[in-house]
PDB file of all heavy atoms in Angstrom:
ATOM      1  N   ASN A   1      71.068 120.746  92.654  1.00  0.00           N
ATOM      2  CA  ASN A   1      71.235 122.083  92.082  1.00  0.00           C
ATOM      3  C   ASN A   1      72.680 122.568  92.072  1.00  0.00           C
ATOM      4  O   ASN A   1      72.969 123.654  91.575  1.00  0.00           O
ATOM      5  CB  ASN A   1      70.389 123.092  92.865  1.00  0.00           C
ATOM      6  CG  ASN A   1      68.900 122.834  92.715  1.00  0.00           C
ATOM      7  OD1 ASN A   1      68.438 122.443  91.654  1.00  0.00           O
ATOM      8  ND2 ASN A   1      68.157 123.032  93.782  1.00  0.00           N
ATOM      9  N   VAL A   2      73.588 121.771  92.626  1.00  0.00           N
ATOM     10  CA  VAL A   2      74.995 122.171  92.702  1.00  0.00           C
ATOM     11  C   VAL A   2      75.738 121.724  91.452  1.00  0.00           C
ATOM     12  O   VAL A   2      75.884 120.521  91.198  1.00  0.00           O
ATOM     13  CB  VAL A   2      75.678 121.569  93.952  1.00  0.00           C
ATOM     14  CG1 VAL A   2      77.144 121.980  94.001  1.00  0.00           C
ATOM     15  CG2 VAL A   2      74.958 122.012  95.206  1.00  0.00           C
ATOM     16  N   ALA A   3      76.184 122.687  90.654  1.00  0.00           N
ATOM     17  CA  ALA A   3      76.929 122.361  89.429  1.00  0.00           C
ATOM     18  C   ALA A   3      78.257 121.692  89.779  1.00  0.00           C
ATOM     19  O   ALA A   3      78.900 122.048  90.770  1.00  0.00           O
ATOM     20  CB  ALA A   3      77.174 123.630  88.621  1.00  0.00           C
ATOM     21  N   ILE A   4      78.663 120.732  88.982  1.00  0.00           N
ATOM     22  CA  ILE A   4      79.880 119.966  89.241  1.00  0.00           C
ATOM     23  C   ILE A   4      80.977 120.340  88.252  1.00  0.00           C
ATOM     24  O   ILE A   4      80.733 120.460  87.053  1.00  0.00           O
ATOM     25  CB  ILE A   4      79.601 118.451  89.140  1.00  0.00           C
ATOM     26  CG1 ILE A   4      78.440 118.055  90.058  1.00  0.00           C
ATOM     27  CG2 ILE A   4      80.843 117.655  89.487  1.00  0.00           C
ATOM     28  CD1 ILE A   4      78.684 118.307  91.521  1.00  0.00           C
ATOM     29  N   ASP A   5      82.178 120.523  88.766  1.00  0.00           N
ATOM     30  CA  ASP A   5      83.340 120.811  87.929  1.00  0.00           C
ATOM     31  C   ASP A   5      83.554 119.661  86.948  1.00  0.00           C
ATOM     32  O   ASP A   5      83.589 118.492  87.350  1.00  0.00           O
ATOM     33  CB  ASP A   5      84.577 120.968  88.827  1.00  0.00           C
ATOM     34  CG  ASP A   5      85.816 121.430  88.076  1.00  0.00           C
ATOM     35  OD1 ASP A   5      85.954 121.087  86.880  1.00  0.00           O
ATOM     36  OD2 ASP A   5      86.644 122.121  88.677  1.00  0.00           O
ATOM     37  N   PRO A   6      83.685 119.970  85.659  1.00  0.00           N
ATOM     38  CA  PRO A   6      83.878 118.915  84.641  1.00  0.00           C
ATOM     39  C   PRO A   6      85.083 118.013  84.918  1.00  0.00           C
ATOM     40  O   PRO A   6      85.143 116.888  84.420  1.00  0.00           O
ATOM     41  CB  PRO A   6      84.075 119.707  83.349  1.00  0.00           C
ATOM     42  CG  PRO A   6      83.361 120.994  83.595  1.00  0.00           C
ATOM     43  CD  PRO A   6      83.587 121.306  85.050  1.00  0.00           C
ATOM     44  N   LYS A   7      86.053 118.503  85.722  1.00  0.00           N
ATOM     45  CA  LYS A   7      87.232 117.711  86.029  1.00  0.00           C
ATOM     46  C   LYS A   7      87.037 116.819  87.252  1.00  0.00           C
ATOM     47  O   LYS A   7      87.931 116.055  87.618  1.00  0.00           O
ATOM     48  CB  LYS A   7      88.431 118.641  86.253  1.00  0.00           C
ATOM     49  CG  LYS A   7      88.813 119.460  85.029  1.00  0.00           C
ATOM     50  CD  LYS A   7      90.002 120.362  85.328  1.00  0.00           C
ATOM     51  CE  LYS A   7      90.382 121.202  84.105  1.00  0.00           C
ATOM     52  NZ  LYS A   7      91.529 122.097  84.387  1.00  0.00           N
ATOM     53  N   SER A   8      85.889 116.911  87.902  1.00  0.00           N
ATOM     54  CA  SER A   8      85.622 116.139  89.111  1.00  0.00           C
ATOM     55  C   SER A   8      85.541 114.648  88.813  1.00  0.00           C
ATOM     56  O   SER A   8      85.144 114.221  87.725  1.00  0.00           O
ATOM     57  CB  SER A   8      84.313 116.611  89.746  1.00  0.00           C
ATOM     58  OG  SER A   8      83.914 115.754  90.782  1.00  0.00           O
ATOM     59  N   THR A   9      85.887 113.839  89.810  1.00  0.00           N
ATOM     60  CA  THR A   9      85.823 112.380  89.629  1.00  0.00           C
ATOM     61  C   THR A   9      84.376 111.908  89.447  1.00  0.00           C
ATOM     62  O   THR A   9      84.141 110.902  88.778  1.00  0.00           O
ATOM     63  CB  THR A   9      86.441 111.644  90.828  1.00  0.00           C
ATOM     64  OG1 THR A   9      85.765 112.030  92.033  1.00  0.00           O
ATOM     65  CG2 THR A   9      87.920 111.965  90.949  1.00  0.00           C
ATOM     66  N   VAL A  10      83.414 112.631  90.032  1.00  0.00           N
ATOM     67  CA  VAL A  10      82.022 112.188  89.882  1.00  0.00           C
ATOM     68  C   VAL A  10      81.538 112.378  88.444  1.00  0.00           C
ATOM     69  O   VAL A  10      80.665 111.645  87.976  1.00  0.00           O
ATOM     70  CB  VAL A  10      81.077 112.914  90.867  1.00  0.00           C
ATOM     71  CG1 VAL A  10      81.396 112.520  92.298  1.00  0.00           C
ATOM     72  CG2 VAL A  10      81.107 114.413  90.690  1.00  0.00           C
ATOM     73  N   VAL A  11      82.100 113.350  87.736  1.00  0.00           N
ATOM     74  CA  VAL A  11      81.771 113.527  86.319  1.00  0.00           C
ATOM     75  C   VAL A  11      82.344 112.361  85.522  1.00  0.00           C
ATOM     76  O   VAL A  11      81.679 111.813  84.636  1.00  0.00           O
ATOM     77  CB  VAL A  11      82.302 114.869  85.776  1.00  0.00           C
ATOM     78  CG1 VAL A  11      82.129 114.934  84.260  1.00  0.00           C
ATOM     79  CG2 VAL A  11      81.573 116.031  86.430  1.00  0.00           C
ATOM     80  N   LYS A  12      83.558 111.974  85.851  1.00  0.00           N
ATOM     81  CA  LYS A  12      84.167 110.820  85.177  1.00  0.00           C
ATOM     82  C   LYS A  12      83.361 109.551  85.489  1.00  0.00           C
ATOM     83  O   LYS A  12      83.161 108.701  84.609  1.00  0.00           O
ATOM     84  CB  LYS A  12      85.620 110.634  85.611  1.00  0.00           C
ATOM     85  CG  LYS A  12      86.347 109.542  84.821  1.00  0.00           C
ATOM     86  CD  LYS A  12      87.795 109.418  85.246  1.00  0.00           C
ATOM     87  CE  LYS A  12      88.544 108.412  84.356  1.00  0.00           C
ATOM     88  NZ  LYS A  12      87.894 107.078  84.321  1.00  0.00           N
ATOM     89  N   ALA A  13      82.896 109.446  86.728  1.00  0.00           N
ATOM     90  CA  ALA A  13      82.090 108.289  87.112  1.00  0.00           C
ATOM     91  C   ALA A  13      80.789 108.254  86.310  1.00  0.00           C
ATOM     92  O   ALA A  13      80.364 107.201  85.835  1.00  0.00           O
ATOM     93  CB  ALA A  13      81.793 108.332  88.607  1.00  0.00           C
ATOM     94  N   ALA A  14      80.175 109.422  86.145  1.00  0.00           N
ATOM     95  CA  ALA A  14      78.940 109.518  85.357  1.00  0.00           C
ATOM     96  C   ALA A  14      79.213 109.131  83.914  1.00  0.00           C
ATOM     97  O   ALA A  14      78.429 108.402  83.286  1.00  0.00           O
ATOM     98  CB  ALA A  14      78.380 110.932  85.434  1.00  0.00           C
ATOM     99  N   ARG A  15      80.344 109.592  83.386  1.00  0.00           N
ATOM    100  CA  ARG A  15      80.712 109.313  81.998  1.00  0.00           C
ATOM    101  C   ARG A  15      80.927 107.811  81.808  1.00  0.00           C
ATOM    102  O   ARG A  15      80.482 107.227  80.808  1.00  0.00           O
ATOM    103  CB  ARG A  15      81.973 110.092  81.651  1.00  0.00           C
ATOM    104  CG  ARG A  15      82.340 110.104  80.176  1.00  0.00           C
ATOM    105  CD  ARG A  15      83.556 110.985  79.952  1.00  0.00           C
ATOM    106  NE  ARG A  15      83.304 112.351  80.393  1.00  0.00           N
ATOM    107  CZ  ARG A  15      84.156 113.066  81.115  1.00  0.00           C
ATOM    108  NH1 ARG A  15      85.308 112.543  81.499  1.00  0.00           N
ATOM    109  NH2 ARG A  15      83.854 114.308  81.466  1.00  0.00           N
ATOM    110  N   ASP A  16      81.591 107.170  82.764  1.00  0.00           N
ATOM    111  CA  ASP A  16      81.848 105.734  82.663  1.00  0.00           C
ATOM    112  C   ASP A  16      80.545 104.934  82.747  1.00  0.00           C
ATOM    113  O   ASP A  16      80.372 103.934  82.042  1.00  0.00           O
ATOM    114  CB  ASP A  16      82.809 105.291  83.769  1.00  0.00           C
ATOM    115  CG  ASP A  16      84.247 105.693  83.484  1.00  0.00           C
ATOM    116  OD1 ASP A  16      84.506 106.218  82.379  1.00  0.00           O
ATOM    117  OD2 ASP A  16      85.118 105.505  84.353  1.00  0.00           O
ATOM    118  N   ALA A  17      79.639 105.390  83.620  1.00  0.00           N
ATOM    119  CA  ALA A  17      78.346 104.701  83.737  1.00  0.00           C
ATOM    120  C   ALA A  17      77.555 104.830  82.443  1.00  0.00           C
ATOM    121  O   ALA A  17      76.964 103.857  81.957  1.00  0.00           O
ATOM    122  CB  ALA A  17      77.553 105.268  84.911  1.00  0.00           C
ATOM    123  N   LEU A  18      77.548 106.020  81.876  1.00  0.00           N
ATOM    124  CA  LEU A  18      76.838 106.250  80.619  1.00  0.00           C
ATOM    125  C   LEU A  18      77.456 105.461  79.473  1.00  0.00           C
ATOM    126  O   LEU A  18      76.770 105.091  78.510  1.00  0.00           O
ATOM    127  CB  LEU A  18      76.840 107.744  80.285  1.00  0.00           C
ATOM    128  CG  LEU A  18      75.918 108.623  81.136  1.00  0.00           C
ATOM    129  CD1 LEU A  18      76.258 110.099  80.957  1.00  0.00           C
ATOM    130  CD2 LEU A  18      74.460 108.369  80.791  1.00  0.00           C
ATOM    131  N   ALA A  19      78.758 105.193  79.578  1.00  0.00           N
ATOM    132  CA  ALA A  19      79.456 104.424  78.543  1.00  0.00           C
ATOM    133  C   ALA A  19      79.192 102.920  78.658  1.00  0.00           C
ATOM    134  O   ALA A  19      79.571 102.155  77.771  1.00  0.00           O
ATOM    135  CB  ALA A  19      80.954 104.696  78.613  1.00  0.00           C
ATOM    136  N   GLY A  20      78.548 102.506  79.768  1.00  0.00           N
ATOM    137  CA  GLY A  20      78.174 101.106  79.880  1.00  0.00           C
ATOM    138  C   GLY A  20      78.793 100.316  81.014  1.00  0.00           C
ATOM    139  O   GLY A  20      78.474  99.129  81.196  1.00  0.00           O
ATOM    140  N   TRP A  21      79.673 100.941  81.799  1.00  0.00           N
ATOM    141  CA  TRP A  21      80.283 100.201  82.909  1.00  0.00           C
ATOM    142  C   TRP A  21      79.264 100.060  84.036  1.00  0.00           C
ATOM    143  O   TRP A  21      78.760 101.053  84.547  1.00  0.00           O
ATOM    144  CB  TRP A  21      81.537 100.911  83.410  1.00  0.00           C
ATOM    145  CG  TRP A  21      82.233 100.172  84.526  1.00  0.00           C
ATOM    146  CD1 TRP A  21      82.099  98.855  84.859  1.00  0.00           C
ATOM    147  CD2 TRP A  21      83.180 100.712  85.462  1.00  0.00           C
ATOM    148  NE1 TRP A  21      82.895  98.533  85.927  1.00  0.00           N
ATOM    149  CE2 TRP A  21      83.567  99.652  86.320  1.00  0.00           C
ATOM    150  CE3 TRP A  21      83.738 101.974  85.645  1.00  0.00           C
ATOM    151  CZ2 TRP A  21      84.491  99.834  87.357  1.00  0.00           C
ATOM    152  CZ3 TRP A  21      84.655 102.157  86.676  1.00  0.00           C
ATOM    153  CH2 TRP A  21      85.033 101.092  87.515  1.00  0.00           C
ATOM    154  N   ASP A  22      78.963  98.844  84.419  1.00  0.00           N
ATOM    155  CA  ASP A  22      78.025  98.571  85.501  1.00  0.00           C
ATOM    156  C   ASP A  22      78.655  97.621  86.513  1.00  0.00           C
ATOM    157  O   ASP A  22      78.556  96.403  86.383  1.00  0.00           O
ATOM    158  CB  ASP A  22      76.732  97.970  84.955  1.00  0.00           C
ATOM    159  CG  ASP A  22      75.717  97.672  86.059  1.00  0.00           C
ATOM    160  OD1 ASP A  22      75.970  98.059  87.220  1.00  0.00           O
ATOM    161  OD2 ASP A  22      74.685  97.051  85.768  1.00  0.00           O
ATOM    162  N   PRO A  23      79.302  98.158  87.550  1.00  0.00           N
ATOM    163  CA  PRO A  23      79.930  97.312  88.569  1.00  0.00           C
ATOM    164  C   PRO A  23      78.923  96.466  89.334  1.00  0.00           C
ATOM    165  O   PRO A  23      79.296  95.481  89.974  1.00  0.00           O
ATOM    166  CB  PRO A  23      80.593  98.330  89.512  1.00  0.00           C
ATOM    167  CG  PRO A  23      80.733  99.580  88.701  1.00  0.00           C
ATOM    168  CD  PRO A  23      79.535  99.588  87.802  1.00  0.00           C
ATOM    169  N   THR A  24      77.628  96.816  89.268  1.00  0.00           N
ATOM    170  CA  THR A  24      76.606  96.103  90.032  1.00  0.00           C
ATOM    171  C   THR A  24      76.013  94.922  89.286  1.00  0.00           C
ATOM    172  O   THR A  24      75.247  94.150  89.857  1.00  0.00           O
ATOM    173  CB  THR A  24      75.448  97.048  90.408  1.00  0.00           C
ATOM    174  OG1 THR A  24      74.620  97.295  89.257  1.00  0.00           O
ATOM    175  CG2 THR A  24      75.972  98.370  90.939  1.00  0.00           C
ATOM    176  N   ASP A  25      76.302  94.808  88.002  1.00  0.00           N
ATOM    177  CA  ASP A  25      75.777  93.729  87.165  1.00  0.00           C
ATOM    178  C   ASP A  25      74.245  93.686  87.191  1.00  0.00           C
ATOM    179  O   ASP A  25      73.634  92.637  87.377  1.00  0.00           O
ATOM    180  CB  ASP A  25      76.345  92.383  87.613  1.00  0.00           C
ATOM    181  CG  ASP A  25      76.091  91.269  86.596  1.00  0.00           C
ATOM    182  OD1 ASP A  25      75.930  91.592  85.396  1.00  0.00           O
ATOM    183  OD2 ASP A  25      76.031  90.098  87.001  1.00  0.00           O
ATOM    184  N   GLY A  26      73.647  94.869  87.008  1.00  0.00           N
ATOM    185  CA  GLY A  26      72.198  94.921  86.849  1.00  0.00           C
ATOM    186  C   GLY A  26      71.382  95.237  88.077  1.00  0.00           C
ATOM    187  O   GLY A  26      70.150  95.173  88.031  1.00  0.00           O
ATOM    188  N   CYS A  27      72.006  95.608  89.178  1.00  0.00           N
ATOM    189  CA  CYS A  27      71.251  95.911  90.396  1.00  0.00           C
ATOM    190  C   CYS A  27      70.371  97.156  90.216  1.00  0.00           C
ATOM    191  O   CYS A  27      70.660  98.025  89.394  1.00  0.00           O
ATOM    192  CB  CYS A  27      72.202  96.133  91.574  1.00  0.00           C
ATOM    193  SG  CYS A  27      72.954  94.603  92.185  1.00  0.00           S
ATOM    194  N   LEU A  28      69.314  97.226  91.023  1.00  0.00           N
ATOM    195  CA  LEU A  28      68.366  98.336  90.936  1.00  0.00           C
ATOM    196  C   LEU A  28      68.317  99.186  92.200  1.00  0.00           C
ATOM    197  O   LEU A  28      67.713 100.268  92.202  1.00  0.00           O
ATOM    198  CB  LEU A  28      66.953  97.793  90.670  1.00  0.00           C
ATOM    199  CG  LEU A  28      66.743  97.078  89.343  1.00  0.00           C
ATOM    200  CD1 LEU A  28      65.362  96.417  89.313  1.00  0.00           C
ATOM    201  CD2 LEU A  28      66.888  98.057  88.182  1.00  0.00           C
ATOM    202  N   TYR A  29      68.950  98.701  93.269  1.00  0.00           N
ATOM    203  CA  TYR A  29      68.872  99.422  94.537  1.00  0.00           C
ATOM    204  C   TYR A  29      70.231  99.469  95.221  1.00  0.00           C
ATOM    205  O   TYR A  29      71.081  98.600  95.005  1.00  0.00           O
ATOM    206  CB  TYR A  29      67.870  98.736  95.484  1.00  0.00           C
ATOM    207  CG  TYR A  29      66.499  98.560  94.876  1.00  0.00           C
ATOM    208  CD1 TYR A  29      66.141  97.346  94.266  1.00  0.00           C
ATOM    209  CD2 TYR A  29      65.570  99.587  94.899  1.00  0.00           C
ATOM    210  CE1 TYR A  29      64.888  97.171  93.700  1.00  0.00           C
ATOM    211  CE2 TYR A  29      64.314  99.417  94.325  1.00  0.00           C
ATOM    212  CZ  TYR A  29      63.979  98.214  93.733  1.00  0.00           C
ATOM    213  OH  TYR A  29      62.743  98.052  93.163  1.00  0.00           O
ATOM    214  N   TYR A  30      70.423 100.481  96.048  1.00  0.00           N
ATOM    215  CA  TYR A  30      71.612 100.555  96.894  1.00  0.00           C
ATOM    216  C   TYR A  30      71.225 101.256  98.189  1.00  0.00           C
ATOM    217  O   TYR A  30      70.273 102.041  98.232  1.00  0.00           O
ATOM    218  CB  TYR A  30      72.754 101.317  96.192  1.00  0.00           C
ATOM    219  CG  TYR A  30      72.499 102.795  96.008  1.00  0.00           C
ATOM    220  CD1 TYR A  30      72.912 103.719  96.964  1.00  0.00           C
ATOM    221  CD2 TYR A  30      71.838 103.264  94.881  1.00  0.00           C
ATOM    222  CE1 TYR A  30      72.664 105.073  96.799  1.00  0.00           C
ATOM    223  CE2 TYR A  30      71.591 104.605  94.701  1.00  0.00           C
ATOM    224  CZ  TYR A  30      72.004 105.509  95.667  1.00  0.00           C
ATOM    225  OH  TYR A  30      71.741 106.839  95.516  1.00  0.00           O
ATOM    226  N   TRP A  31      71.928 100.969  99.243  1.00  0.00           N
ATOM    227  CA  TRP A  31      71.660 101.620 100.525  1.00  0.00           C
ATOM    228  C   TRP A  31      72.871 101.463 101.437  1.00  0.00           C
ATOM    229  O   TRP A  31      73.712 100.599 101.252  1.00  0.00           O
ATOM    230  CB  TRP A  31      70.418 101.015 101.178  1.00  0.00           C
ATOM    231  CG  TRP A  31      70.506  99.569 101.579  1.00  0.00           C
ATOM    232  CD1 TRP A  31      70.780  99.055 102.814  1.00  0.00           C
ATOM    233  CD2 TRP A  31      70.309  98.428 100.718  1.00  0.00           C
ATOM    234  NE1 TRP A  31      70.768  97.683 102.779  1.00  0.00           N
ATOM    235  CE2 TRP A  31      70.478  97.274 101.517  1.00  0.00           C
ATOM    236  CE3 TRP A  31      69.994  98.276  99.361  1.00  0.00           C
ATOM    237  CZ2 TRP A  31      70.367  95.987 100.993  1.00  0.00           C
ATOM    238  CZ3 TRP A  31      69.882  96.988  98.852  1.00  0.00           C
ATOM    239  CH2 TRP A  31      70.056  95.869  99.651  1.00  0.00           C
ATOM    240  N   ASN A  32      72.937 102.344 102.415  1.00  0.00           N
ATOM    241  CA  ASN A  32      73.978 102.288 103.432  1.00  0.00           C
ATOM    242  C   ASN A  32      73.354 101.617 104.653  1.00  0.00           C
ATOM    243  O   ASN A  32      72.463 102.183 105.282  1.00  0.00           O
ATOM    244  CB  ASN A  32      74.451 103.703 103.788  1.00  0.00           C
ATOM    245  CG  ASN A  32      75.591 103.700 104.789  1.00  0.00           C
ATOM    246  OD1 ASN A  32      75.748 102.764 105.573  1.00  0.00           O
ATOM    247  ND2 ASN A  32      76.386 104.759 104.790  1.00  0.00           N
TER     248      ASN A  32
END
């Protein structure tokens, strides 16, 4: 529910992911 500043790096990250960049090469899960 927390709106993100359009200049934030996470917005750029979202934009890059939507543009097709996939550093995981098709992975479906992540965890710490």
